[in-house]
N, C-alpha and C. Protein backbone atom coordinates (compact mmCIF):
# COMPACT_ATOMS: atom_id res chain seq x y z
N MET A 1 0.89 -1.16 -0.04
CA MET A 1 -0.02 -0.03 -0.11
C MET A 1 0.68 1.19 -0.06
N ARG A 2 1.91 1.14 0.74
CA ARG A 2 2.82 2.61 0.99
C ARG A 2 3.43 2.62 -0.73
N THR A 3 4.14 1.37 -1.10
CA THR A 3 4.40 1.74 -2.39
C THR A 3 3.54 2.38 -3.54
N LEU A 4 2.33 1.67 -3.53
CA LEU A 4 1.35 2.32 -4.34
C LEU A 4 1.02 4.02 -4.11
N PHE A 5 1.12 4.22 -2.95
CA PHE A 5 0.58 5.38 -2.64
C PHE A 5 1.68 6.44 -3.16
N THR A 6 3.20 6.06 -2.68
CA THR A 6 4.39 6.86 -3.42
C THR A 6 4.29 6.65 -4.82
N PHE A 7 3.99 5.67 -5.53
CA PHE A 7 3.81 5.77 -7.00
C PHE A 7 2.81 6.79 -7.52
N LEU A 8 1.77 7.01 -6.86
CA LEU A 8 0.86 7.59 -7.30
C LEU A 8 1.13 9.27 -6.98
N LEU A 9 1.70 9.46 -5.97
CA LEU A 9 1.99 10.89 -5.18
C LEU A 9 3.15 11.65 -6.03
N VAL A 10 4.00 11.07 -6.35
CA VAL A 10 5.40 11.50 -6.97
C VAL A 10 4.89 11.89 -8.27
N PRO A 11 4.33 11.29 -9.23
CA PRO A 11 3.91 12.35 -10.59
C PRO A 11 2.99 13.49 -10.30
N PHE A 12 2.15 13.20 -9.31
CA PHE A 12 1.29 14.39 -8.93
C PHE A 12 1.96 15.63 -8.55
N LEU A 13 3.15 15.33 -7.62
CA LEU A 13 3.99 16.43 -7.05
C LEU A 13 4.70 16.97 -8.40
N ALA A 14 5.32 16.31 -9.38
CA ALA A 14 6.08 16.19 -10.33
C ALA A 14 5.66 17.48 -11.47
N PHE A 15 4.35 16.81 -11.83
CA PHE A 15 3.45 17.63 -12.92
C PHE A 15 2.68 18.74 -12.69
N SER A 16 2.56 18.85 -11.49
CA SER A 16 1.55 19.88 -10.88
C SER A 16 2.13 21.00 -10.56
N GLN A 17 1.81 22.36 -10.64
CA GLN A 17 2.24 23.29 -10.18
C GLN A 17 2.17 23.49 -8.56
N ALA A 18 3.28 23.56 -7.70
CA ALA A 18 3.13 23.79 -6.28
C ALA A 18 4.13 24.68 -5.79
N ASP A 19 3.91 25.41 -4.81
CA ASP A 19 5.09 25.87 -4.14
C ASP A 19 5.42 25.33 -2.45
N ILE A 20 6.76 25.13 -2.43
CA ILE A 20 7.33 24.55 -1.30
C ILE A 20 7.88 25.85 -0.62
N LYS A 21 7.41 26.11 0.68
CA LYS A 21 7.94 27.21 1.27
C LYS A 21 8.64 27.16 2.64
N LEU A 22 9.54 27.82 2.86
CA LEU A 22 10.26 27.87 4.34
C LEU A 22 9.80 29.52 4.99
N ASN A 23 9.40 29.85 6.43
CA ASN A 23 8.82 30.78 6.81
C ASN A 23 10.43 31.41 7.50
N ILE A 24 11.33 32.23 6.81
CA ILE A 24 12.52 32.19 6.79
C ILE A 24 12.79 33.30 8.19
N SER A 25 11.86 34.39 8.19
CA SER A 25 12.26 35.20 9.29
C SER A 25 11.78 34.72 10.98
N ASN A 26 10.95 33.81 10.89
CA ASN A 26 10.59 33.10 11.99
C ASN A 26 11.52 31.97 12.49
N ALA A 27 12.05 31.65 11.47
CA ALA A 27 13.27 30.39 11.69
C ALA A 27 14.34 30.92 12.53
N ILE A 28 14.64 32.21 12.03
CA ILE A 28 15.94 33.01 12.67
C ILE A 28 15.37 33.60 14.10
N LEU A 29 14.41 33.65 14.45
CA LEU A 29 13.81 34.22 15.59
C LEU A 29 13.26 33.29 16.64
N TYR A 30 12.18 32.47 16.13
CA TYR A 30 11.53 31.62 17.28
C TYR A 30 10.54 30.60 16.89
N GLU A 31 10.77 30.17 15.52
CA GLU A 31 9.81 29.26 15.14
C GLU A 31 10.47 28.40 13.99
N LEU A 32 10.01 27.15 13.54
CA LEU A 32 10.33 26.57 12.41
C LEU A 32 8.83 26.28 11.53
N ASN A 33 8.66 26.72 10.18
CA ASN A 33 7.42 26.63 9.74
C ASN A 33 7.48 26.35 8.19
N LEU A 34 6.98 25.07 7.75
CA LEU A 34 7.25 24.80 6.34
C LEU A 34 5.79 24.86 5.75
N SER A 35 5.60 25.04 4.61
CA SER A 35 4.24 24.69 3.80
C SER A 35 4.60 24.44 2.74
N TYR A 36 3.23 23.85 2.07
CA TYR A 36 3.38 23.40 0.66
C TYR A 36 1.73 23.81 0.30
N GLU A 37 1.90 24.35 -0.98
CA GLU A 37 0.95 25.13 -1.26
C GLU A 37 0.58 24.60 -2.90
N HIS A 38 -0.37 24.29 -3.19
CA HIS A 38 -1.00 23.37 -4.38
C HIS A 38 -1.95 24.29 -5.42
N MET A 39 -1.64 24.62 -6.46
CA MET A 39 -2.24 25.62 -7.28
C MET A 39 -3.29 24.61 -7.91
N LEU A 40 -4.71 25.09 -8.01
CA LEU A 40 -5.97 24.62 -8.49
C LEU A 40 -6.26 25.44 -9.83
N ASN A 41 -5.81 26.58 -9.80
CA ASN A 41 -5.76 27.29 -11.03
C ASN A 41 -4.83 28.54 -10.76
N ASP A 42 -4.71 29.49 -11.73
CA ASP A 42 -3.97 30.89 -11.29
C ASP A 42 -4.53 31.63 -10.51
N TYR A 43 -5.86 31.60 -9.82
CA TYR A 43 -6.29 32.19 -8.91
C TYR A 43 -6.76 31.63 -7.51
N MET A 44 -6.59 30.54 -7.40
CA MET A 44 -6.99 29.73 -6.26
C MET A 44 -6.04 28.58 -6.09
N THR A 45 -5.76 28.48 -4.58
CA THR A 45 -4.76 27.50 -3.85
C THR A 45 -4.98 27.02 -2.72
N VAL A 46 -4.66 25.57 -2.51
CA VAL A 46 -4.97 25.20 -1.48
C VAL A 46 -3.58 24.48 -0.59
N SER A 47 -3.48 24.68 0.72
CA SER A 47 -2.28 24.61 1.16
C SER A 47 -2.31 23.71 2.46
N GLY A 48 -1.10 22.82 2.83
CA GLY A 48 -0.88 22.44 4.05
C GLY A 48 0.45 23.08 4.91
N PHE A 49 -0.06 23.52 6.13
CA PHE A 49 1.19 23.58 6.88
C PHE A 49 1.45 23.30 8.29
N GLY A 50 2.85 23.37 8.66
CA GLY A 50 3.01 22.77 10.07
C GLY A 50 4.23 23.42 10.42
N GLY A 51 4.62 23.50 11.88
CA GLY A 51 5.77 24.14 12.34
C GLY A 51 5.64 23.73 14.04
N TYR A 52 7.03 24.13 14.06
CA TYR A 52 7.13 24.11 15.75
C TYR A 52 7.66 25.50 16.32
N PHE A 53 7.10 25.99 17.27
CA PHE A 53 7.25 27.38 18.18
C PHE A 53 8.20 26.73 19.14
N TYR A 54 9.79 27.34 19.27
CA TYR A 54 10.74 26.88 20.21
C TYR A 54 10.97 27.95 21.13
N GLY A 55 10.47 29.40 20.58
CA GLY A 55 10.34 30.37 21.53
C GLY A 55 11.93 31.04 21.49
N PHE A 56 11.87 32.37 21.93
CA PHE A 56 13.08 33.05 21.67
C PHE A 56 14.21 32.60 22.47
N PRO A 57 15.63 33.16 22.15
CA PRO A 57 16.72 32.57 22.73
C PRO A 57 17.10 32.79 24.01
N ASP A 58 16.37 33.91 24.66
CA ASP A 58 16.54 33.90 26.10
C ASP A 58 15.54 33.61 26.91
N ASP A 59 14.93 32.89 26.47
CA ASP A 59 13.25 32.42 26.98
C ASP A 59 13.07 30.96 27.03
N ALA A 60 14.42 30.24 27.70
CA ALA A 60 14.73 28.84 27.57
C ALA A 60 13.42 28.02 28.19
N ASN A 61 12.58 28.94 29.22
CA ASN A 61 11.86 27.82 30.03
C ASN A 61 10.07 28.46 29.47
N GLY A 62 10.22 29.14 28.22
CA GLY A 62 9.11 29.54 27.92
C GLY A 62 7.90 28.84 26.94
N THR A 63 7.13 29.57 26.48
CA THR A 63 6.10 28.54 25.54
C THR A 63 6.29 27.84 24.42
N LYS A 64 6.42 26.36 24.48
CA LYS A 64 6.85 25.49 23.14
C LYS A 64 5.59 24.95 22.59
N TYR A 65 5.35 25.02 21.43
CA TYR A 65 4.28 24.11 20.94
C TYR A 65 4.29 23.92 19.27
N TRP A 66 3.52 22.76 18.86
CA TRP A 66 3.74 22.55 17.38
C TRP A 66 2.17 22.61 17.09
N TYR A 67 2.00 22.81 15.67
CA TYR A 67 0.99 23.01 15.00
C TYR A 67 1.08 22.58 13.56
N VAL A 68 -0.33 22.44 13.16
CA VAL A 68 -0.65 21.80 11.82
C VAL A 68 -2.02 22.52 11.33
N GLY A 69 -2.18 22.68 10.31
CA GLY A 69 -3.29 23.20 9.41
C GLY A 69 -3.55 23.43 7.96
N PRO A 70 -4.88 23.34 7.55
CA PRO A 70 -5.00 23.55 5.85
C PRO A 70 -5.21 25.21 5.77
N GLU A 71 -5.08 25.36 4.41
CA GLU A 71 -4.99 27.13 4.20
C GLU A 71 -5.74 27.14 2.72
N MET A 72 -6.61 27.79 2.33
CA MET A 72 -7.00 28.32 0.78
C MET A 72 -6.92 29.85 0.55
N ARG A 73 -6.10 30.14 -0.37
CA ARG A 73 -5.81 31.45 -0.84
C ARG A 73 -6.43 31.75 -2.03
N TYR A 74 -6.96 33.13 -2.23
CA TYR A 74 -7.35 33.89 -3.73
C TYR A 74 -6.28 34.72 -3.73
N TYR A 75 -5.66 34.62 -5.07
CA TYR A 75 -4.94 35.79 -5.83
C TYR A 75 -5.94 36.56 -6.50
N VAL A 76 -5.69 38.11 -6.32
CA VAL A 76 -6.45 39.08 -6.92
C VAL A 76 -6.29 39.19 -8.42
N SER A 77 -4.84 39.31 -8.54
CA SER A 77 -4.65 39.49 -10.00
C SER A 77 -3.25 39.31 -10.40
N PRO A 78 -3.17 37.97 -10.36
CA PRO A 78 -2.06 37.14 -10.71
C PRO A 78 -1.49 37.43 -11.99
N ARG A 79 -0.09 37.34 -12.15
CA ARG A 79 0.72 37.61 -13.53
C ARG A 79 1.22 36.15 -13.91
N ASN A 80 1.77 35.56 -12.77
CA ASN A 80 2.59 34.31 -13.18
C ASN A 80 1.84 33.25 -12.58
N GLY A 81 0.46 32.93 -12.20
CA GLY A 81 -0.23 31.92 -11.62
C GLY A 81 -0.02 32.25 -10.08
N ALA A 82 -1.11 32.35 -9.43
CA ALA A 82 -1.02 32.18 -7.85
C ALA A 82 0.17 33.19 -7.43
N ASP A 83 0.09 34.40 -7.83
CA ASP A 83 1.09 35.21 -7.15
C ASP A 83 0.57 36.78 -6.96
N ARG A 84 1.14 37.74 -6.61
CA ARG A 84 0.97 39.27 -5.92
C ARG A 84 0.16 39.05 -5.01
N PHE A 85 -0.81 39.98 -4.78
CA PHE A 85 -1.63 40.00 -3.80
C PHE A 85 -2.82 38.77 -3.45
N PHE A 86 -2.85 38.42 -2.27
CA PHE A 86 -3.99 37.23 -2.00
C PHE A 86 -4.53 37.65 -0.41
N LEU A 87 -6.03 36.97 -0.44
CA LEU A 87 -6.67 36.92 0.76
C LEU A 87 -6.76 35.45 1.07
N GLY A 88 -7.08 34.98 2.13
CA GLY A 88 -7.07 33.41 2.64
C GLY A 88 -7.84 33.30 3.88
N LEU A 89 -7.94 31.95 3.93
CA LEU A 89 -8.70 31.48 5.09
C LEU A 89 -7.67 30.33 5.55
N TYR A 90 -7.89 30.25 6.96
CA TYR A 90 -7.07 28.99 7.38
C TYR A 90 -7.53 28.41 8.89
N MET A 91 -7.14 27.23 9.16
CA MET A 91 -7.40 26.47 10.35
C MET A 91 -6.32 25.98 10.99
N ARG A 92 -6.11 26.26 12.17
CA ARG A 92 -4.81 25.72 12.92
C ARG A 92 -5.01 25.16 14.11
N TYR A 93 -4.33 23.83 14.29
CA TYR A 93 -4.30 22.97 15.70
C TYR A 93 -3.15 23.30 16.12
N ASN A 94 -3.05 23.70 17.23
CA ASN A 94 -1.85 24.01 18.10
C ASN A 94 -1.91 23.03 19.67
N SER A 95 -0.63 22.48 19.71
CA SER A 95 -0.70 21.84 20.76
C SER A 95 0.67 21.80 21.74
N GLY A 96 0.63 21.93 22.96
CA GLY A 96 2.12 22.19 23.42
C GLY A 96 2.07 22.39 24.88
N GLN A 97 2.92 23.34 25.20
CA GLN A 97 3.12 23.85 26.62
C GLN A 97 3.26 25.52 26.57
N ALA A 98 2.46 26.27 27.50
CA ALA A 98 2.27 27.51 27.77
C ALA A 98 2.88 28.17 28.87
N SER A 99 3.72 28.90 28.77
CA SER A 99 4.41 29.72 29.95
C SER A 99 3.47 30.65 30.82
N SER A 100 2.96 30.39 32.27
CA SER A 100 1.81 30.77 32.71
C SER A 100 2.22 31.26 33.95
N SER A 101 1.46 32.19 34.67
CA SER A 101 1.59 32.17 36.22
C SER A 101 0.07 31.96 37.02
N VAL A 102 0.14 31.82 38.24
CA VAL A 102 -1.17 31.89 39.02
C VAL A 102 -0.89 32.64 40.14
N TYR A 103 -1.93 33.56 40.13
CA TYR A 103 -1.89 34.52 41.29
C TYR A 103 -2.56 34.10 42.25
N GLU A 104 -2.56 34.15 43.57
CA GLU A 104 -3.51 33.60 44.69
C GLU A 104 -3.24 34.83 45.68
N SER A 105 -4.45 35.02 46.21
CA SER A 105 -4.37 36.12 47.37
C SER A 105 -5.48 35.58 48.35
N GLY A 106 -5.54 36.06 49.44
CA GLY A 106 -6.65 36.03 50.62
C GLY A 106 -6.03 35.70 51.86
N ASN A 107 -6.86 35.83 53.15
CA ASN A 107 -6.42 35.62 54.52
C ASN A 107 -5.57 34.36 54.52
N LEU A 108 -4.75 34.27 55.31
CA LEU A 108 -3.87 32.82 55.62
C LEU A 108 -5.05 32.07 56.54
N THR A 109 -5.02 30.81 56.64
CA THR A 109 -6.19 30.05 57.36
C THR A 109 -5.52 30.25 58.66
N GLY A 110 -6.96 30.53 59.55
CA GLY A 110 -6.55 30.66 60.94
C GLY A 110 -5.78 32.15 61.50
N SER A 111 -6.03 32.77 60.63
CA SER A 111 -5.10 34.18 60.90
C SER A 111 -5.94 35.38 59.94
N ASN A 112 -5.92 36.44 60.02
CA ASN A 112 -6.33 37.87 59.65
C ASN A 112 -5.60 38.33 58.59
N MET A 113 -4.04 37.55 58.70
CA MET A 113 -3.01 38.10 57.95
C MET A 113 -3.01 37.97 56.34
N TYR A 114 -3.27 39.08 55.49
CA TYR A 114 -3.22 38.75 54.00
C TYR A 114 -2.30 38.61 53.39
N GLU A 115 -2.30 37.55 52.25
CA GLU A 115 -1.06 37.17 51.90
C GLU A 115 -1.38 36.88 50.15
N SER A 116 -0.75 37.71 49.60
CA SER A 116 -0.57 37.22 47.52
C SER A 116 0.66 36.71 47.31
N LEU A 117 0.69 35.58 46.44
CA LEU A 117 1.45 34.39 46.01
C LEU A 117 1.41 34.61 44.84
N TYR A 118 2.69 34.39 43.80
CA TYR A 118 2.93 34.38 42.45
C TYR A 118 3.59 32.88 42.38
N THR A 119 3.08 32.05 41.22
CA THR A 119 3.50 30.65 40.95
C THR A 119 3.74 30.48 39.36
N ASP A 120 4.97 30.35 39.00
CA ASP A 120 5.35 30.28 37.46
C ASP A 120 5.09 28.61 37.33
N TYR A 121 4.52 28.38 36.03
CA TYR A 121 4.41 26.75 35.85
C TYR A 121 4.17 26.92 34.23
N GLU A 122 4.45 25.35 33.79
CA GLU A 122 4.40 25.21 32.35
C GLU A 122 2.85 24.34 32.25
N GLU A 123 2.10 25.01 31.76
CA GLU A 123 0.80 24.72 31.23
C GLU A 123 0.42 24.00 29.96
N ASP A 124 0.08 22.58 30.03
CA ASP A 124 -0.04 21.89 28.93
C ASP A 124 -1.41 22.63 28.14
N PHE A 125 -1.38 22.46 26.83
CA PHE A 125 -2.69 23.15 26.34
C PHE A 125 -3.00 22.56 24.74
N ASN A 126 -4.30 22.44 24.26
CA ASN A 126 -4.28 22.34 22.79
C ASN A 126 -5.55 23.37 22.19
N ALA A 127 -5.41 23.45 21.25
CA ALA A 127 -6.35 24.69 20.83
C ALA A 127 -6.66 24.66 19.07
N LEU A 128 -7.83 24.80 18.76
CA LEU A 128 -8.44 24.85 17.31
C LEU A 128 -8.66 26.04 16.89
N ALA A 129 -8.02 26.65 15.93
CA ALA A 129 -8.54 28.20 15.45
C ALA A 129 -8.91 28.21 14.04
N ILE A 130 -9.70 29.29 13.60
CA ILE A 130 -10.15 29.69 12.39
C ILE A 130 -9.79 31.02 12.06
N GLY A 131 -9.39 31.46 11.03
CA GLY A 131 -9.02 32.57 10.73
C GLY A 131 -8.81 33.23 9.41
N PHE A 132 -8.30 34.23 9.22
CA PHE A 132 -8.49 35.13 8.00
C PHE A 132 -6.76 35.56 7.54
N MET A 133 -6.36 35.39 6.67
CA MET A 133 -4.99 36.03 6.36
C MET A 133 -4.74 37.03 4.75
N LEU A 134 -3.87 37.80 4.84
CA LEU A 134 -3.42 38.30 3.43
C LEU A 134 -1.99 38.74 3.48
N GLY A 135 -1.38 38.78 2.16
CA GLY A 135 -0.28 38.89 1.84
C GLY A 135 0.06 38.75 0.37
N SER A 136 1.32 38.70 0.30
CA SER A 136 1.84 38.90 -1.45
C SER A 136 2.74 38.09 -1.79
N LYS A 137 2.84 37.58 -2.57
CA LYS A 137 3.65 36.51 -3.38
C LYS A 137 4.40 36.80 -4.78
N TRP A 138 5.62 36.49 -4.93
CA TRP A 138 6.14 36.85 -6.20
C TRP A 138 6.97 35.56 -6.50
N VAL A 139 7.07 35.31 -7.85
CA VAL A 139 7.77 34.18 -8.31
C VAL A 139 8.54 34.56 -9.54
N THR A 140 9.96 34.24 -9.45
CA THR A 140 10.52 34.71 -10.59
C THR A 140 10.60 33.65 -11.82
N LYS A 141 11.27 34.06 -12.78
CA LYS A 141 11.38 33.13 -13.93
C LYS A 141 11.81 31.80 -13.88
N GLN A 142 12.95 31.82 -12.90
CA GLN A 142 13.40 30.60 -12.87
C GLN A 142 12.68 29.56 -11.61
N GLY A 143 11.82 30.06 -11.03
CA GLY A 143 10.89 29.34 -10.06
C GLY A 143 11.27 29.87 -8.32
N PHE A 144 11.88 30.79 -8.27
CA PHE A 144 12.34 31.24 -6.78
C PHE A 144 10.89 31.89 -6.31
N VAL A 145 10.26 31.46 -5.19
CA VAL A 145 9.43 32.16 -4.43
C VAL A 145 9.48 32.92 -3.27
N PHE A 146 9.00 33.92 -2.89
CA PHE A 146 9.28 34.79 -1.91
C PHE A 146 7.98 35.76 -1.63
N GLY A 147 7.99 35.95 -0.12
CA GLY A 147 6.43 36.83 0.08
C GLY A 147 6.39 36.79 1.44
N PHE A 148 5.58 37.78 1.88
CA PHE A 148 5.05 38.26 3.23
C PHE A 148 3.43 37.90 3.29
N PHE A 149 3.37 37.62 4.63
CA PHE A 149 2.06 37.30 4.98
C PHE A 149 1.52 37.39 6.29
N GLY A 150 0.43 37.83 6.69
CA GLY A 150 -0.19 37.78 8.11
C GLY A 150 -1.63 37.39 8.42
N GLY A 151 -1.80 36.70 9.41
CA GLY A 151 -3.22 36.48 9.39
C GLY A 151 -3.71 36.36 10.92
N PHE A 152 -4.82 36.45 11.30
CA PHE A 152 -5.35 36.49 12.59
C PHE A 152 -6.51 35.69 12.80
N GLY A 153 -6.96 34.75 14.03
CA GLY A 153 -7.97 34.21 13.72
C GLY A 153 -8.36 34.05 15.34
N ARG A 154 -9.50 33.39 15.77
CA ARG A 154 -10.07 33.17 16.77
C ARG A 154 -10.17 31.55 17.19
N ASN A 155 -9.67 31.17 18.50
CA ASN A 155 -9.87 29.81 18.75
C ASN A 155 -11.41 29.43 19.09
N ILE A 156 -11.69 28.30 18.30
CA ILE A 156 -13.06 27.80 18.31
C ILE A 156 -13.17 26.46 19.26
N PHE A 157 -12.04 26.33 19.82
CA PHE A 157 -12.14 25.32 20.87
C PHE A 157 -10.37 25.47 21.57
N SER A 158 -10.30 25.63 22.68
CA SER A 158 -9.14 25.50 23.57
C SER A 158 -9.38 24.77 24.91
N ASN A 159 -8.09 24.04 25.34
CA ASN A 159 -8.16 23.35 26.42
C ASN A 159 -6.67 23.54 27.04
N PHE A 160 -7.11 24.43 28.12
CA PHE A 160 -5.92 24.44 28.71
C PHE A 160 -5.80 23.88 30.26
N ASP A 161 -4.59 23.10 30.74
CA ASP A 161 -4.49 22.50 31.90
C ASP A 161 -4.31 23.30 33.12
N GLU A 162 -5.03 24.13 33.31
CA GLU A 162 -5.02 25.14 34.44
C GLU A 162 -5.66 24.71 35.94
N TYR A 163 -5.43 25.14 36.75
CA TYR A 163 -5.90 24.74 38.03
C TYR A 163 -7.25 24.64 38.13
N GLU A 164 -8.25 23.74 38.67
CA GLU A 164 -9.60 24.00 38.38
C GLU A 164 -9.99 24.44 39.64
N GLY A 165 -10.71 25.67 39.74
CA GLY A 165 -11.12 26.08 41.01
C GLY A 165 -10.18 26.72 42.30
N LYS A 166 -9.05 26.25 42.21
CA LYS A 166 -7.76 26.92 43.11
C LYS A 166 -6.55 26.89 42.77
N GLY A 167 -5.61 27.28 43.18
CA GLY A 167 -4.23 27.43 42.88
C GLY A 167 -3.61 26.40 43.59
N PRO A 168 -2.14 26.18 43.25
CA PRO A 168 -1.13 25.22 44.06
C PRO A 168 -1.38 25.26 45.35
N HIS A 169 -1.23 26.60 46.18
CA HIS A 169 -1.31 26.85 47.55
C HIS A 169 -2.78 27.31 47.95
N TYR A 170 -3.86 26.64 47.64
CA TYR A 170 -5.21 26.95 47.89
C TYR A 170 -5.53 26.44 49.67
N GLN A 171 -4.66 25.34 50.09
CA GLN A 171 -4.60 24.82 51.27
C GLN A 171 -4.26 26.05 52.48
N LEU A 172 -3.42 27.04 51.83
CA LEU A 172 -3.06 27.82 52.84
C LEU A 172 -3.78 28.91 53.13
N PHE A 173 -4.92 29.20 52.46
CA PHE A 173 -5.46 30.39 52.61
C PHE A 173 -7.29 29.89 53.32
N ASP A 174 -7.88 30.98 53.68
CA ASP A 174 -9.26 30.90 54.21
C ASP A 174 -10.30 30.95 52.97
N PRO A 175 -10.88 29.84 52.73
CA PRO A 175 -11.64 29.59 51.32
C PRO A 175 -12.56 30.82 51.51
N ASP A 176 -13.08 31.45 52.23
CA ASP A 176 -14.21 32.33 51.95
C ASP A 176 -13.40 33.95 51.61
N SER A 177 -12.30 33.86 51.92
CA SER A 177 -11.29 35.13 51.14
C SER A 177 -10.53 34.90 49.99
N TYR A 178 -10.48 33.39 49.69
CA TYR A 178 -9.50 33.00 48.60
C TYR A 178 -9.77 33.62 47.12
N TYR A 179 -9.01 33.89 46.55
CA TYR A 179 -8.86 34.67 44.99
C TYR A 179 -7.91 33.97 44.30
N TYR A 180 -8.19 33.86 43.11
CA TYR A 180 -6.96 33.26 42.11
C TYR A 180 -7.34 33.22 40.67
N TYR A 181 -6.13 33.91 39.74
CA TYR A 181 -6.42 33.70 38.44
C TYR A 181 -5.20 33.39 37.85
N VAL A 182 -5.12 33.18 36.57
CA VAL A 182 -4.25 32.42 35.95
C VAL A 182 -3.78 33.50 34.94
N GLU A 183 -2.49 33.63 34.53
CA GLU A 183 -1.96 34.63 33.51
C GLU A 183 -1.09 34.07 32.75
N ARG A 184 -1.64 34.25 31.35
CA ARG A 184 -0.64 33.54 30.37
C ARG A 184 0.25 34.86 29.62
N TYR A 185 1.49 34.09 29.08
CA TYR A 185 2.39 35.31 28.37
C TYR A 185 1.76 35.47 26.90
N GLY A 186 2.36 36.14 26.05
CA GLY A 186 1.93 36.65 24.96
C GLY A 186 2.16 35.60 23.74
N ALA A 187 3.04 34.42 24.18
CA ALA A 187 3.12 33.61 22.99
C ALA A 187 2.01 32.69 22.49
N ILE A 188 0.94 32.67 23.30
CA ILE A 188 -0.06 31.79 22.95
C ILE A 188 -1.33 32.52 23.83
N SER A 189 -2.46 32.43 23.31
CA SER A 189 -3.73 32.81 24.06
C SER A 189 -4.66 32.02 24.07
N GLN A 190 -5.37 32.08 24.93
CA GLN A 190 -6.92 31.12 24.96
C GLN A 190 -7.63 31.55 24.08
N TYR A 191 -7.87 32.39 23.62
CA TYR A 191 -8.92 33.03 22.73
C TYR A 191 -8.52 33.24 21.39
N TRP A 192 -7.14 33.77 21.10
CA TRP A 192 -6.82 34.29 19.92
C TRP A 192 -5.59 33.65 19.10
N ASP A 193 -5.63 33.56 17.94
CA ASP A 193 -4.72 33.21 17.11
C ASP A 193 -3.91 34.04 16.01
N TRP A 194 -2.70 34.14 15.89
CA TRP A 194 -2.04 34.90 14.75
C TRP A 194 -1.04 34.24 14.07
N ARG A 195 -0.42 34.83 13.02
CA ARG A 195 0.36 34.20 11.84
C ARG A 195 0.89 35.49 11.38
N ILE A 196 2.57 35.10 11.06
CA ILE A 196 2.97 36.39 10.35
C ILE A 196 4.37 35.89 9.78
N GLY A 197 5.00 36.31 8.85
CA GLY A 197 6.06 36.08 8.44
C GLY A 197 6.75 36.24 6.86
N PHE A 198 7.76 35.92 6.73
CA PHE A 198 8.45 36.10 5.51
C PHE A 198 8.77 34.73 4.85
N ASN A 199 8.08 34.27 3.71
CA ASN A 199 8.60 32.98 3.06
C ASN A 199 9.27 33.04 2.07
N ILE A 200 10.45 31.87 1.76
CA ILE A 200 11.07 31.82 0.67
C ILE A 200 10.92 30.40 0.15
N GLY A 201 10.88 29.86 -1.04
CA GLY A 201 10.62 28.72 -1.38
C GLY A 201 10.84 28.54 -2.98
N TRP A 202 10.49 27.80 -3.57
CA TRP A 202 10.33 27.11 -4.69
C TRP A 202 9.39 26.41 -5.30
N ARG A 203 9.17 26.80 -6.76
CA ARG A 203 7.84 26.37 -7.33
C ARG A 203 8.05 24.93 -7.97
N LEU A 204 7.53 23.97 -7.45
CA LEU A 204 7.40 22.80 -8.77
C LEU A 204 6.60 22.69 -9.52
N GLY A 205 6.96 21.80 -10.93
CA GLY A 205 5.98 21.98 -12.02
C GLY A 205 6.16 23.08 -12.68
N LYS A 206 7.22 24.08 -12.70
CA LYS A 206 7.01 25.23 -13.38
C LYS A 206 7.48 25.00 -14.80
């Protein structure tokens, strides 16, 4: 079965026009991202992308996650087929660890003394987002591809492994005065999703 799949796939990749791209700007800074964009016609493409967010060099214990997703683009006025300005829709599934803090406060048990505590921890999460994007792409006569893109979306599902109804030091506080909340840092959001970058790559089948 694997041999048959490979036999059918290779001609498809070799004789249809498609772009393979690397998000070079993010790879230098904080993220590895690869994408494969297949041309349906000069105006419409479908894509698959995936990547791993490893964070900035000075954030050794920060947010880290992987992601995959599909994408569809419409090119407004192409000259060389699926190039220049585009609008698009995407879906993305994220899974990994988020760098978070738990804030707890209240009166200590058996005392009127008020206390506040912060605890940093790595929080497991997964989320599914849908969003829109726009950008531009250019293709040289030799088949070299480069372009910019940006996207913004909303999580339609998210599951963060946060403390349920209490923090790690809940037992130290009087339940009647206890308060807590979880703060997540900017690399990942419980509600929003965003994408940005500068891609370089190569057009196959040109």
